[in-house]
């Protein structure tokens, strides 16, 4: 009964992402990079326009 209420913590390293999960993480990373570049461009535009 105690094992059901308090499961043993898993040991070892987590499995590397595979398949769909890996593709989703790659797409998310690419989206964040593009968002960062667009944000940097907008900031530079705002700074240059105010001078």
Protein backbone atom coordinates (compact mmCIF):
# COMPACT_ATOMS: atom_id res chain seq x y z
CA UNK A 1 0.00 0.00 0.00
CA UNK A 2 2.83 2.36 0.85
CA UNK A 3 4.39 1.83 -2.59
CA UNK A 4 1.18 2.98 -4.25
CA UNK A 5 0.95 6.15 -2.18
CA UNK A 6 4.66 7.00 -2.40
CA UNK A 7 6.14 5.66 -5.63
CA UNK A 8 9.90 5.25 -5.75
CA UNK A 9 11.70 8.07 -7.55
CA UNK A 10 13.10 7.09 -10.90
CA UNK A 11 16.85 6.83 -11.08
CA UNK A 12 19.10 7.40 -14.03
CA UNK A 13 19.17 9.96 -16.75
CA UNK A 14 16.04 10.98 -18.64
CA UNK A 15 15.71 9.58 -22.12
CA UNK A 16 16.74 11.86 -24.97
CA UNK A 17 13.87 13.31 -26.98
CA UNK A 18 12.85 11.21 -29.94
CA UNK A 19 10.52 11.46 -32.89
CA UNK A 20 7.67 13.95 -32.66
CA UNK A 21 8.92 15.45 -29.42
CA UNK A 22 12.32 16.21 -30.92
CA UNK A 23 10.74 17.86 -33.95
CA UNK A 24 8.46 19.93 -31.73
CA UNK A 25 11.42 21.10 -29.63
CA UNK A 26 13.39 21.98 -32.76
CA UNK A 27 10.45 23.95 -34.18
CA UNK A 28 10.02 25.75 -30.83
CA UNK A 29 13.71 26.65 -30.76
CA UNK A 30 13.56 28.01 -34.31
CA UNK A 31 10.45 30.05 -33.45
CA UNK A 32 12.15 31.55 -30.39
CA UNK A 33 15.24 32.47 -32.44
CA UNK A 34 13.11 34.17 -35.10
CA UNK A 35 11.10 36.00 -32.43
CA UNK A 36 14.33 37.22 -30.81
CA UNK A 37 15.68 38.49 -34.13
CA UNK A 38 12.43 40.31 -34.93
CA UNK A 39 12.38 41.85 -31.46
CA UNK A 40 15.99 43.01 -31.82
CA UNK A 41 15.19 44.55 -35.21
CA UNK A 42 12.20 46.42 -33.78
CA UNK A 43 14.30 47.71 -30.88
CA UNK A 44 17.01 48.95 -33.26
CA UNK A 45 14.36 50.63 -35.42
CA UNK A 46 12.85 52.40 -32.41
CA UNK A 47 16.29 53.54 -31.21
CA UNK A 48 17.30 54.83 -34.66
CA UNK A 49 14.01 56.65 -35.26
CA UNK A 50 14.27 58.51 -31.93
CA UNK A 51 17.69 59.99 -32.76
